[in-house]
N, C-alpha and C. Protein backbone atom coordinates (compact mmCIF):
# COMPACT_ATOMS: atom_id res chain seq x y z
N MET A 1 15.22 18.96 10.74
CA MET A 1 15.03 17.90 9.78
C MET A 1 14.35 16.76 10.48
N ASN A 2 13.08 16.51 10.22
CA ASN A 2 12.31 15.45 10.88
C ASN A 2 12.06 14.32 9.92
N PRO A 3 12.46 13.07 10.27
CA PRO A 3 12.18 11.98 9.38
C PRO A 3 10.71 11.67 9.30
N VAL A 4 10.28 11.17 8.13
CA VAL A 4 8.86 10.81 7.92
C VAL A 4 8.77 9.30 8.04
N SER A 5 7.84 8.80 8.78
CA SER A 5 7.69 7.38 9.01
C SER A 5 7.43 6.67 7.68
N ASP A 6 7.97 5.46 7.54
CA ASP A 6 7.73 4.69 6.32
C ASP A 6 6.32 4.11 6.40
N PRO A 7 5.83 3.64 5.25
CA PRO A 7 4.42 3.16 5.18
C PRO A 7 4.18 1.82 5.79
N LEU A 8 5.19 1.07 6.25
CA LEU A 8 4.91 -0.22 6.86
C LEU A 8 4.17 -0.05 8.16
N SER A 9 3.23 -0.94 8.43
CA SER A 9 2.42 -0.86 9.63
C SER A 9 3.30 -1.22 10.86
N THR A 10 2.84 -0.80 12.03
CA THR A 10 3.59 -1.07 13.27
C THR A 10 3.75 -2.59 13.47
N ALA A 11 2.73 -3.33 13.10
CA ALA A 11 2.83 -4.80 13.29
C ALA A 11 3.86 -5.42 12.43
N GLU A 12 4.24 -4.79 11.34
CA GLU A 12 5.22 -5.37 10.39
C GLU A 12 6.65 -4.96 10.74
N ARG A 13 6.80 -4.11 11.76
CA ARG A 13 8.10 -3.56 12.10
C ARG A 13 8.69 -4.24 13.36
N THR A 14 10.01 -4.41 13.33
CA THR A 14 10.73 -4.77 14.52
C THR A 14 11.67 -3.60 14.82
N PRO A 15 11.57 -2.93 15.96
CA PRO A 15 12.39 -1.75 16.21
C PRO A 15 13.86 -2.10 16.06
N PRO A 16 14.58 -1.39 15.16
CA PRO A 16 15.95 -1.72 14.93
C PRO A 16 16.87 -1.10 15.97
N ASN A 17 18.05 -1.71 16.18
CA ASN A 17 19.04 -1.15 17.05
C ASN A 17 19.60 0.13 16.42
N ARG A 18 19.75 0.09 15.10
CA ARG A 18 20.30 1.27 14.39
C ARG A 18 19.31 1.58 13.26
N PRO A 19 18.59 2.72 13.36
CA PRO A 19 17.57 3.05 12.38
C PRO A 19 18.14 3.22 10.96
N LEU A 20 17.31 2.91 9.99
CA LEU A 20 17.68 3.09 8.60
C LEU A 20 16.88 4.28 8.06
N ILE A 21 17.59 5.25 7.44
CA ILE A 21 16.93 6.46 6.93
C ILE A 21 17.31 6.62 5.48
N LEU A 22 16.32 6.85 4.65
CA LEU A 22 16.53 7.22 3.25
C LEU A 22 16.62 8.71 3.16
N GLY A 23 17.78 9.22 2.84
CA GLY A 23 17.98 10.67 2.74
C GLY A 23 17.61 11.19 1.38
N SER A 24 16.32 11.28 1.11
CA SER A 24 15.86 11.69 -0.21
C SER A 24 14.42 12.17 -0.15
N SER A 25 14.09 13.10 -1.02
CA SER A 25 12.70 13.55 -1.13
C SER A 25 12.01 12.89 -2.33
N SER A 26 12.73 11.97 -2.98
CA SER A 26 12.19 11.32 -4.19
C SER A 26 11.19 10.20 -3.84
N ARG A 27 10.00 10.33 -4.38
CA ARG A 27 9.01 9.26 -4.14
C ARG A 27 9.42 7.97 -4.88
N TYR A 28 10.17 8.09 -5.95
CA TYR A 28 10.59 6.91 -6.71
C TYR A 28 11.60 6.09 -5.86
N ARG A 29 12.53 6.78 -5.18
CA ARG A 29 13.50 6.02 -4.37
C ARG A 29 12.80 5.41 -3.15
N ARG A 30 11.83 6.11 -2.66
CA ARG A 30 11.09 5.56 -1.49
C ARG A 30 10.35 4.28 -1.89
N GLU A 31 9.73 4.31 -3.06
CA GLU A 31 8.98 3.14 -3.56
C GLU A 31 9.94 1.97 -3.81
N LEU A 32 11.15 2.25 -4.34
CA LEU A 32 12.11 1.23 -4.62
C LEU A 32 12.60 0.59 -3.29
N LEU A 33 12.92 1.42 -2.32
CA LEU A 33 13.45 0.86 -1.06
C LEU A 33 12.38 0.02 -0.33
N GLN A 34 11.11 0.36 -0.54
CA GLN A 34 10.04 -0.45 0.08
C GLN A 34 10.05 -1.89 -0.38
N ARG A 35 10.65 -2.15 -1.56
CA ARG A 35 10.70 -3.54 -2.07
C ARG A 35 11.48 -4.47 -1.17
N LEU A 36 12.39 -3.91 -0.37
CA LEU A 36 13.24 -4.72 0.51
C LEU A 36 12.51 -5.16 1.76
N ARG A 37 11.35 -4.55 2.04
CA ARG A 37 10.47 -4.92 3.18
C ARG A 37 11.23 -4.81 4.51
N ILE A 38 11.96 -3.77 4.65
CA ILE A 38 12.65 -3.48 5.92
C ILE A 38 12.17 -2.12 6.41
N PRO A 39 12.12 -1.91 7.71
CA PRO A 39 11.65 -0.65 8.22
C PRO A 39 12.65 0.49 7.91
N PHE A 40 12.13 1.62 7.47
CA PHE A 40 12.98 2.77 7.28
C PHE A 40 12.17 4.03 7.39
N GLU A 41 12.88 5.13 7.58
CA GLU A 41 12.26 6.45 7.61
C GLU A 41 12.84 7.29 6.49
N VAL A 42 12.24 8.44 6.27
CA VAL A 42 12.67 9.29 5.19
C VAL A 42 12.96 10.70 5.74
N ALA A 43 14.07 11.26 5.32
CA ALA A 43 14.41 12.66 5.68
C ALA A 43 14.99 13.33 4.42
N SER A 44 14.53 14.55 4.15
CA SER A 44 14.98 15.26 2.98
C SER A 44 16.25 16.03 3.28
N PRO A 45 17.33 15.80 2.52
CA PRO A 45 18.57 16.49 2.74
C PRO A 45 18.52 17.90 2.12
N ASP A 46 19.25 18.81 2.71
CA ASP A 46 19.35 20.18 2.16
C ASP A 46 20.74 20.30 1.51
N VAL A 47 20.82 20.02 0.21
CA VAL A 47 22.06 19.99 -0.48
C VAL A 47 21.98 20.80 -1.78
N ASP A 48 22.96 21.61 -2.07
CA ASP A 48 23.04 22.36 -3.31
C ASP A 48 23.48 21.40 -4.38
N GLU A 49 22.63 21.24 -5.42
CA GLU A 49 22.92 20.26 -6.47
C GLU A 49 23.53 20.91 -7.71
N THR A 50 24.02 22.11 -7.58
CA THR A 50 24.66 22.78 -8.72
C THR A 50 25.98 22.07 -9.10
N PRO A 51 26.12 21.70 -10.38
CA PRO A 51 27.38 21.03 -10.82
C PRO A 51 28.55 21.97 -10.69
N GLY A 52 29.72 21.40 -10.36
CA GLY A 52 30.95 22.17 -10.31
C GLY A 52 31.43 22.42 -11.74
N PHE A 53 32.25 23.43 -11.94
CA PHE A 53 32.77 23.73 -13.27
C PHE A 53 33.53 22.56 -13.83
N GLY A 54 33.09 22.06 -15.00
CA GLY A 54 33.77 20.94 -15.64
C GLY A 54 33.57 19.58 -14.97
N GLU A 55 32.66 19.52 -14.01
CA GLU A 55 32.41 18.28 -13.28
C GLU A 55 31.70 17.26 -14.15
N LEU A 56 32.26 16.08 -14.26
CA LEU A 56 31.65 15.06 -15.13
C LEU A 56 30.42 14.47 -14.44
N PRO A 57 29.46 13.99 -15.25
CA PRO A 57 28.19 13.50 -14.64
C PRO A 57 28.35 12.43 -13.59
N GLY A 58 29.21 11.45 -13.80
CA GLY A 58 29.41 10.38 -12.81
C GLY A 58 29.95 10.93 -11.49
N ALA A 59 30.91 11.83 -11.62
CA ALA A 59 31.51 12.43 -10.41
C ALA A 59 30.49 13.30 -9.68
N LEU A 60 29.61 13.99 -10.47
CA LEU A 60 28.58 14.81 -9.85
C LEU A 60 27.59 13.93 -9.09
N ALA A 61 27.16 12.84 -9.69
CA ALA A 61 26.22 11.96 -9.03
C ALA A 61 26.80 11.37 -7.74
N GLU A 62 28.08 10.97 -7.76
CA GLU A 62 28.71 10.44 -6.59
C GLU A 62 28.85 11.51 -5.52
N ARG A 63 29.24 12.68 -5.89
CA ARG A 63 29.44 13.76 -4.89
C ARG A 63 28.11 14.08 -4.20
N LEU A 64 27.04 14.19 -5.01
CA LEU A 64 25.74 14.57 -4.42
C LEU A 64 25.16 13.47 -3.58
N ALA A 65 25.32 12.22 -4.00
CA ALA A 65 24.82 11.11 -3.20
C ALA A 65 25.46 11.11 -1.81
N LEU A 66 26.78 11.29 -1.81
CA LEU A 66 27.49 11.27 -0.50
C LEU A 66 27.14 12.52 0.34
N ALA A 67 26.99 13.65 -0.36
CA ALA A 67 26.61 14.86 0.38
C ALA A 67 25.24 14.74 1.02
N LYS A 68 24.30 14.11 0.32
CA LYS A 68 22.96 13.92 0.87
C LYS A 68 23.00 13.00 2.07
N ALA A 69 23.73 11.87 1.93
CA ALA A 69 23.84 10.93 3.07
C ALA A 69 24.49 11.60 4.28
N ARG A 70 25.56 12.32 4.04
CA ARG A 70 26.25 13.02 5.15
C ARG A 70 25.39 14.07 5.81
N ALA A 71 24.57 14.82 4.99
CA ALA A 71 23.72 15.87 5.52
C ALA A 71 22.70 15.30 6.50
N VAL A 72 22.06 14.21 6.13
CA VAL A 72 21.08 13.59 6.97
C VAL A 72 21.75 12.88 8.18
N ALA A 73 22.87 12.25 7.95
CA ALA A 73 23.60 11.59 9.04
C ALA A 73 24.04 12.56 10.11
N ALA A 74 24.30 13.82 9.73
CA ALA A 74 24.72 14.80 10.72
C ALA A 74 23.60 15.07 11.73
N ALA A 75 22.34 14.94 11.25
CA ALA A 75 21.20 15.14 12.13
C ALA A 75 20.81 13.88 12.90
N PHE A 76 21.16 12.72 12.35
CA PHE A 76 20.86 11.43 12.95
C PHE A 76 22.11 10.55 12.96
N PRO A 77 23.07 10.87 13.84
CA PRO A 77 24.40 10.18 13.82
C PRO A 77 24.32 8.70 14.12
N GLY A 78 23.26 8.25 14.79
CA GLY A 78 23.16 6.85 15.14
C GLY A 78 22.48 5.99 14.07
N ALA A 79 22.01 6.64 13.00
CA ALA A 79 21.29 5.92 11.96
C ALA A 79 22.22 5.54 10.78
N VAL A 80 21.77 4.54 10.04
CA VAL A 80 22.37 4.20 8.78
C VAL A 80 21.59 4.97 7.73
N VAL A 81 22.29 5.82 6.97
CA VAL A 81 21.61 6.76 6.07
C VAL A 81 21.98 6.46 4.61
N ILE A 82 20.97 6.37 3.78
CA ILE A 82 21.17 6.16 2.31
C ILE A 82 20.99 7.49 1.60
N GLY A 83 21.97 7.85 0.78
CA GLY A 83 21.84 8.98 -0.13
C GLY A 83 22.01 8.52 -1.54
N SER A 84 21.32 9.16 -2.47
CA SER A 84 21.44 8.74 -3.88
C SER A 84 21.20 9.94 -4.79
N ASP A 85 21.79 9.85 -5.97
CA ASP A 85 21.59 10.90 -6.97
C ASP A 85 21.76 10.29 -8.36
N GLN A 86 21.06 10.88 -9.31
CA GLN A 86 21.13 10.39 -10.70
C GLN A 86 21.35 11.59 -11.63
N VAL A 87 22.28 11.41 -12.58
CA VAL A 87 22.56 12.44 -13.59
C VAL A 87 22.63 11.74 -14.92
N ALA A 88 21.91 12.29 -15.91
CA ALA A 88 22.01 11.74 -17.28
C ALA A 88 23.27 12.31 -17.96
N ASP A 89 23.98 11.44 -18.57
CA ASP A 89 25.26 11.78 -19.18
C ASP A 89 25.17 11.69 -20.70
N LEU A 90 25.13 12.85 -21.34
CA LEU A 90 25.10 12.89 -22.82
C LEU A 90 26.42 13.42 -23.33
N ASP A 91 27.28 12.53 -23.78
CA ASP A 91 28.60 12.89 -24.28
C ASP A 91 29.42 13.68 -23.24
N GLY A 92 29.29 13.29 -21.98
CA GLY A 92 30.03 13.96 -20.94
C GLY A 92 29.37 15.21 -20.36
N GLN A 93 28.19 15.58 -20.89
CA GLN A 93 27.45 16.72 -20.40
C GLN A 93 26.33 16.26 -19.48
N PRO A 94 26.25 16.84 -18.27
CA PRO A 94 25.18 16.41 -17.35
C PRO A 94 23.81 17.00 -17.67
N LEU A 95 22.82 16.10 -17.60
CA LEU A 95 21.39 16.48 -17.77
C LEU A 95 20.69 16.10 -16.50
N GLY A 96 20.15 17.06 -15.81
CA GLY A 96 19.41 16.80 -14.55
C GLY A 96 17.92 16.76 -14.75
N LYS A 97 17.20 17.10 -13.70
CA LYS A 97 15.74 17.15 -13.79
C LYS A 97 15.32 18.39 -14.55
N PRO A 98 14.45 18.28 -15.54
CA PRO A 98 14.11 19.46 -16.35
C PRO A 98 13.32 20.51 -15.61
N GLY A 99 12.39 20.10 -14.79
CA GLY A 99 11.61 21.05 -14.02
C GLY A 99 10.45 21.67 -14.75
N THR A 100 10.62 21.92 -16.06
CA THR A 100 9.55 22.51 -16.85
C THR A 100 9.36 21.73 -18.15
N HIS A 101 8.22 21.95 -18.76
CA HIS A 101 7.89 21.26 -20.04
C HIS A 101 8.88 21.66 -21.13
N GLU A 102 9.22 22.94 -21.19
CA GLU A 102 10.10 23.45 -22.25
C GLU A 102 11.48 22.85 -22.15
N LYS A 103 12.00 22.73 -20.93
CA LYS A 103 13.32 22.12 -20.71
C LYS A 103 13.31 20.63 -21.02
N ALA A 104 12.18 19.98 -20.71
CA ALA A 104 12.05 18.55 -21.01
C ALA A 104 12.05 18.32 -22.52
N VAL A 105 11.35 19.14 -23.26
CA VAL A 105 11.35 19.07 -24.72
C VAL A 105 12.78 19.20 -25.23
N ALA A 106 13.48 20.19 -24.74
CA ALA A 106 14.85 20.40 -25.22
C ALA A 106 15.76 19.21 -24.91
N GLN A 107 15.61 18.63 -23.71
CA GLN A 107 16.41 17.47 -23.33
C GLN A 107 16.14 16.31 -24.27
N LEU A 108 14.88 15.98 -24.50
CA LEU A 108 14.54 14.81 -25.30
C LEU A 108 14.92 15.01 -26.75
N ARG A 109 14.89 16.23 -27.26
CA ARG A 109 15.33 16.50 -28.64
C ARG A 109 16.83 16.25 -28.75
N ARG A 110 17.59 16.58 -27.71
CA ARG A 110 19.02 16.34 -27.72
C ARG A 110 19.33 14.86 -27.63
N MET A 111 18.50 14.12 -26.93
CA MET A 111 18.80 12.71 -26.65
C MET A 111 18.26 11.74 -27.74
N ARG A 112 17.34 12.18 -28.55
CA ARG A 112 16.73 11.26 -29.53
C ARG A 112 17.81 10.74 -30.48
N GLY A 113 17.76 9.41 -30.68
CA GLY A 113 18.74 8.75 -31.52
C GLY A 113 20.10 8.59 -30.92
N GLN A 114 20.27 9.06 -29.66
CA GLN A 114 21.57 9.04 -29.03
C GLN A 114 21.65 7.97 -27.92
N THR A 115 22.88 7.60 -27.58
CA THR A 115 23.11 6.76 -26.42
C THR A 115 23.43 7.67 -25.21
N VAL A 116 22.66 7.49 -24.15
CA VAL A 116 22.83 8.30 -22.95
C VAL A 116 23.17 7.35 -21.79
N ILE A 117 24.12 7.75 -20.93
CA ILE A 117 24.46 6.96 -19.76
C ILE A 117 23.82 7.63 -18.54
N PHE A 118 22.94 6.93 -17.87
CA PHE A 118 22.36 7.41 -16.65
C PHE A 118 23.25 6.98 -15.47
N GLN A 119 23.92 7.96 -14.88
CA GLN A 119 24.83 7.70 -13.79
C GLN A 119 24.08 7.79 -12.47
N THR A 120 23.88 6.65 -11.80
CA THR A 120 23.13 6.63 -10.54
C THR A 120 24.05 6.19 -9.40
N ALA A 121 24.23 7.10 -8.46
CA ALA A 121 25.16 6.83 -7.36
C ALA A 121 24.34 6.59 -6.08
N VAL A 122 24.85 5.73 -5.22
CA VAL A 122 24.26 5.48 -3.90
C VAL A 122 25.42 5.56 -2.87
N ALA A 123 25.13 6.20 -1.76
CA ALA A 123 26.11 6.30 -0.67
C ALA A 123 25.42 5.93 0.63
N VAL A 124 26.14 5.27 1.52
CA VAL A 124 25.59 4.90 2.82
C VAL A 124 26.58 5.38 3.89
N VAL A 125 26.00 6.09 4.91
CA VAL A 125 26.82 6.68 5.96
C VAL A 125 26.22 6.37 7.33
N CYS A 126 27.06 6.02 8.28
CA CYS A 126 26.66 5.97 9.69
C CYS A 126 27.77 6.62 10.49
N LEU A 127 27.49 7.78 11.00
CA LEU A 127 28.54 8.53 11.72
C LEU A 127 28.97 7.82 13.01
N GLU A 128 28.01 7.25 13.71
CA GLU A 128 28.31 6.66 15.00
C GLU A 128 29.26 5.45 14.88
N SER A 129 29.11 4.69 13.84
CA SER A 129 29.96 3.51 13.60
C SER A 129 31.17 3.83 12.76
N GLY A 130 31.15 5.00 12.13
CA GLY A 130 32.26 5.40 11.26
C GLY A 130 32.20 4.77 9.89
N TYR A 131 31.04 4.22 9.52
CA TYR A 131 30.89 3.59 8.21
C TYR A 131 30.55 4.60 7.14
N GLU A 132 31.25 4.50 5.99
CA GLU A 132 30.93 5.34 4.86
C GLU A 132 31.39 4.64 3.60
N ALA A 133 30.48 4.48 2.64
CA ALA A 133 30.81 3.78 1.39
C ALA A 133 29.83 4.25 0.29
N GLN A 134 30.30 4.10 -0.93
CA GLN A 134 29.42 4.48 -2.05
C GLN A 134 29.72 3.67 -3.27
N SER A 135 28.77 3.68 -4.22
CA SER A 135 28.94 2.91 -5.45
C SER A 135 28.19 3.65 -6.56
N LEU A 136 28.64 3.43 -7.79
CA LEU A 136 28.08 4.11 -8.95
C LEU A 136 27.63 3.06 -9.97
N ALA A 137 26.34 3.16 -10.38
CA ALA A 137 25.79 2.29 -11.39
C ALA A 137 25.61 3.08 -12.67
N ALA A 138 26.22 2.63 -13.75
CA ALA A 138 26.09 3.33 -15.06
C ALA A 138 25.14 2.52 -15.95
N VAL A 139 24.06 3.11 -16.37
CA VAL A 139 23.07 2.45 -17.22
C VAL A 139 23.14 3.08 -18.60
N LYS A 140 23.50 2.28 -19.58
CA LYS A 140 23.61 2.76 -20.97
C LYS A 140 22.24 2.58 -21.66
N VAL A 141 21.70 3.72 -22.14
CA VAL A 141 20.37 3.70 -22.76
C VAL A 141 20.43 4.28 -24.16
N LYS A 142 19.86 3.56 -25.10
CA LYS A 142 19.77 4.04 -26.51
C LYS A 142 18.35 4.54 -26.75
N PHE A 143 18.23 5.83 -27.08
CA PHE A 143 16.92 6.42 -27.36
C PHE A 143 16.53 6.23 -28.82
N ARG A 144 15.26 6.04 -29.05
CA ARG A 144 14.74 5.97 -30.43
C ARG A 144 14.86 7.33 -31.08
N ALA A 145 14.75 7.33 -32.40
CA ALA A 145 14.77 8.58 -33.14
C ALA A 145 13.36 9.23 -33.07
N LEU A 146 13.11 9.86 -31.96
CA LEU A 146 11.75 10.35 -31.66
C LEU A 146 11.37 11.54 -32.51
N THR A 147 10.11 11.58 -32.86
CA THR A 147 9.61 12.79 -33.58
C THR A 147 9.20 13.81 -32.55
N ASP A 148 9.03 15.05 -32.98
CA ASP A 148 8.57 16.11 -32.09
C ASP A 148 7.15 15.78 -31.52
N ASP A 149 6.29 15.16 -32.32
CA ASP A 149 4.96 14.84 -31.83
C ASP A 149 5.03 13.77 -30.77
N GLU A 150 5.92 12.76 -30.95
CA GLU A 150 6.08 11.69 -29.98
C GLU A 150 6.59 12.29 -28.65
N ILE A 151 7.53 13.23 -28.73
CA ILE A 151 8.04 13.84 -27.51
C ILE A 151 6.94 14.63 -26.79
N GLU A 152 6.15 15.40 -27.53
CA GLU A 152 5.05 16.16 -26.95
C GLU A 152 4.01 15.23 -26.32
N ASN A 153 3.65 14.20 -27.02
CA ASN A 153 2.62 13.28 -26.52
C ASN A 153 3.09 12.58 -25.26
N TYR A 154 4.34 12.17 -25.23
CA TYR A 154 4.92 11.57 -24.04
C TYR A 154 4.89 12.50 -22.85
N LEU A 155 5.40 13.70 -23.04
CA LEU A 155 5.47 14.67 -21.96
C LEU A 155 4.12 15.04 -21.42
N ARG A 156 3.16 15.24 -22.29
CA ARG A 156 1.80 15.56 -21.85
C ARG A 156 1.16 14.43 -21.07
N ALA A 157 1.48 13.23 -21.42
CA ALA A 157 0.91 12.09 -20.74
C ALA A 157 1.61 11.76 -19.40
N GLU A 158 2.93 11.85 -19.40
CA GLU A 158 3.70 11.41 -18.21
C GLU A 158 4.16 12.53 -17.29
N GLN A 159 4.41 13.70 -17.88
CA GLN A 159 4.85 14.87 -17.11
C GLN A 159 6.06 14.49 -16.18
N PRO A 160 7.16 14.01 -16.77
CA PRO A 160 8.28 13.50 -16.00
C PRO A 160 9.30 14.62 -15.63
N TYR A 161 8.78 15.74 -15.15
CA TYR A 161 9.67 16.92 -14.98
C TYR A 161 10.57 16.81 -13.73
N ASP A 162 10.33 15.77 -12.89
CA ASP A 162 11.19 15.55 -11.76
C ASP A 162 12.10 14.35 -11.98
N CYS A 163 12.30 13.91 -13.23
CA CYS A 163 13.14 12.79 -13.57
C CYS A 163 14.35 13.25 -14.38
N ALA A 164 15.51 12.75 -14.01
CA ALA A 164 16.74 13.12 -14.72
C ALA A 164 16.58 12.75 -16.18
N GLY A 165 16.88 13.71 -17.07
CA GLY A 165 16.78 13.43 -18.48
C GLY A 165 15.38 13.28 -19.01
N SER A 166 14.39 13.58 -18.18
CA SER A 166 12.95 13.48 -18.57
C SER A 166 12.49 12.07 -18.88
N ALA A 167 13.30 11.10 -18.54
CA ALA A 167 13.01 9.73 -18.95
C ALA A 167 12.47 8.89 -17.78
N LYS A 168 11.17 8.77 -17.66
CA LYS A 168 10.55 7.96 -16.60
C LYS A 168 10.35 6.54 -17.15
N SER A 169 11.41 5.76 -17.04
CA SER A 169 11.44 4.44 -17.67
C SER A 169 10.43 3.45 -17.06
N GLU A 170 10.09 3.68 -15.78
CA GLU A 170 9.11 2.74 -15.16
C GLU A 170 7.69 3.04 -15.58
N GLY A 171 7.51 4.11 -16.35
CA GLY A 171 6.21 4.47 -16.90
C GLY A 171 6.23 4.48 -18.41
N LEU A 172 5.59 5.47 -19.01
CA LEU A 172 5.52 5.53 -20.46
C LEU A 172 6.87 5.79 -21.09
N GLY A 173 7.85 6.26 -20.28
CA GLY A 173 9.19 6.53 -20.80
C GLY A 173 9.86 5.33 -21.45
N ILE A 174 9.42 4.12 -21.11
CA ILE A 174 10.00 2.95 -21.71
C ILE A 174 9.82 2.94 -23.22
N ALA A 175 8.75 3.63 -23.68
CA ALA A 175 8.47 3.70 -25.12
C ALA A 175 9.47 4.61 -25.85
N LEU A 176 10.22 5.40 -25.13
CA LEU A 176 11.23 6.24 -25.75
C LEU A 176 12.48 5.49 -26.13
N LEU A 177 12.64 4.29 -25.59
CA LEU A 177 13.93 3.62 -25.62
C LEU A 177 14.02 2.49 -26.63
N GLU A 178 15.24 2.36 -27.16
CA GLU A 178 15.51 1.27 -28.10
C GLU A 178 16.19 0.12 -27.39
N SER A 179 17.00 0.45 -26.37
CA SER A 179 17.69 -0.63 -25.63
C SER A 179 18.19 -0.07 -24.28
N ILE A 180 18.41 -1.02 -23.32
CA ILE A 180 18.97 -0.67 -22.00
C ILE A 180 20.03 -1.68 -21.70
N ASP A 181 21.20 -1.22 -21.24
CA ASP A 181 22.31 -2.11 -20.89
C ASP A 181 22.82 -1.74 -19.51
N ASN A 182 22.60 -2.63 -18.54
CA ASN A 182 23.08 -2.36 -17.15
C ASN A 182 23.15 -3.65 -16.33
N ASP A 183 23.74 -3.58 -15.14
CA ASP A 183 23.85 -4.76 -14.28
C ASP A 183 23.05 -4.62 -13.01
N ASP A 184 22.23 -3.56 -12.91
CA ASP A 184 21.45 -3.31 -11.65
C ASP A 184 20.11 -2.76 -12.15
N PRO A 185 19.09 -3.57 -12.37
CA PRO A 185 17.87 -3.17 -13.05
C PRO A 185 17.14 -1.97 -12.47
N THR A 186 17.25 -1.74 -11.16
CA THR A 186 16.52 -0.61 -10.57
C THR A 186 17.28 0.69 -10.66
N ALA A 187 18.53 0.67 -11.13
CA ALA A 187 19.36 1.87 -11.16
C ALA A 187 18.72 2.95 -12.02
N LEU A 188 18.13 2.57 -13.15
CA LEU A 188 17.57 3.56 -14.07
C LEU A 188 16.38 4.29 -13.44
N VAL A 189 15.67 3.65 -12.52
CA VAL A 189 14.57 4.31 -11.83
C VAL A 189 15.03 5.31 -10.81
N GLY A 190 16.26 5.10 -10.27
CA GLY A 190 16.75 6.11 -9.34
C GLY A 190 17.51 5.61 -8.12
N LEU A 191 17.42 4.31 -7.81
CA LEU A 191 18.15 3.74 -6.65
C LEU A 191 18.60 2.34 -7.03
N PRO A 192 19.93 2.12 -7.21
CA PRO A 192 20.42 0.79 -7.59
C PRO A 192 20.34 -0.17 -6.37
N LEU A 193 19.31 -0.98 -6.31
CA LEU A 193 19.05 -1.79 -5.12
C LEU A 193 20.08 -2.87 -4.90
N ILE A 194 20.65 -3.41 -5.95
CA ILE A 194 21.68 -4.45 -5.72
C ILE A 194 22.87 -3.84 -4.97
N ARG A 195 23.29 -2.66 -5.40
CA ARG A 195 24.39 -2.01 -4.72
C ARG A 195 23.93 -1.51 -3.33
N THR A 196 22.74 -1.01 -3.24
CA THR A 196 22.23 -0.56 -1.94
C THR A 196 22.20 -1.69 -0.90
N CYS A 197 21.75 -2.87 -1.32
CA CYS A 197 21.70 -3.99 -0.40
C CYS A 197 23.10 -4.33 0.07
N ARG A 198 24.07 -4.33 -0.82
CA ARG A 198 25.46 -4.64 -0.41
C ARG A 198 25.98 -3.62 0.61
N LEU A 199 25.70 -2.36 0.38
CA LEU A 199 26.25 -1.30 1.26
C LEU A 199 25.54 -1.27 2.59
N ILE A 200 24.22 -1.44 2.66
CA ILE A 200 23.55 -1.38 3.95
C ILE A 200 23.83 -2.65 4.74
N GLN A 201 24.02 -3.78 4.10
CA GLN A 201 24.39 -4.94 4.83
C GLN A 201 25.75 -4.77 5.49
N ALA A 202 26.69 -4.20 4.80
CA ALA A 202 28.01 -3.91 5.34
C ALA A 202 27.91 -2.94 6.52
N ALA A 203 26.86 -2.12 6.50
CA ALA A 203 26.71 -1.14 7.59
C ALA A 203 25.97 -1.74 8.79
N GLY A 204 25.48 -3.00 8.65
CA GLY A 204 24.83 -3.69 9.75
C GLY A 204 23.34 -3.86 9.64
N VAL A 205 22.78 -3.59 8.48
CA VAL A 205 21.36 -3.78 8.24
C VAL A 205 21.10 -5.20 7.75
N LYS A 206 20.19 -5.93 8.42
CA LYS A 206 19.89 -7.30 8.02
C LYS A 206 18.82 -7.33 6.93
N LEU A 207 19.09 -8.13 5.95
CA LEU A 207 18.11 -8.34 4.88
C LEU A 207 17.58 -9.77 4.95
N LEU A 208 16.37 -9.94 4.42
CA LEU A 208 15.72 -11.27 4.36
C LEU A 208 15.55 -11.97 5.69
N SER A 209 15.49 -11.14 6.76
CA SER A 209 15.17 -11.72 8.08
C SER A 209 13.64 -11.77 8.26
N PRO A 210 13.13 -12.54 9.20
CA PRO A 210 11.68 -12.75 9.32
C PRO A 210 10.84 -11.52 9.35
N GLN A 211 11.30 -10.48 10.11
CA GLN A 211 10.52 -9.25 10.22
C GLN A 211 11.29 -8.05 9.81
N GLY A 212 12.31 -8.22 8.99
CA GLY A 212 13.07 -7.10 8.55
C GLY A 212 13.87 -6.43 9.65
N SER A 213 14.29 -7.25 10.68
CA SER A 213 15.04 -6.66 11.78
C SER A 213 16.43 -6.30 11.34
N GLN A 214 17.07 -5.40 12.10
CA GLN A 214 18.39 -4.92 11.80
C GLN A 214 19.34 -5.20 12.97
N ALA A 215 20.63 -5.33 12.66
CA ALA A 215 21.60 -5.56 13.72
C ALA A 215 21.89 -4.33 14.49
């Protein structure tokens, strides 16, 4: 498992005492973490995301976020590792990434006119320091009563097949929604940055420092 360097230039980086690694293959989470302007690397965790029998969506998101952080931390024990996962919760039933157009159509037909809770979990692990913590952000979303044509037009334009519940809210997916209720605005996109900041600060990562240095 080799971390991929973040897009910040060498001149913008201050070598940290304890590296920060985003344990995710999601480009959306990588883009979100870049907003903090701190140096980080990316490593993809190898984790089975199959839900357990009867596992509720929030519990599934928390379990997978922690499993991802632990998997990457095992390879980089001196690093502070962020893991995250998102599961759409429709009446207690988990909806993950559709993967195909047909599955995305089925998901959106089920969700139209309904209130869906997007359960987004973040976990932070550092094996060397013994730090481990996690948090769950629940985003309540009301979908419009979408027509079949609107669903097809949205999917053809956005192709959100790697998004939980097929809802790419930072793009055209915002047009699917009637309302959003949450306390962490970035959670719906895939990484709750308010919670992430709190957890990585507790792990020793400095925020809002002149060059994004870490303790």
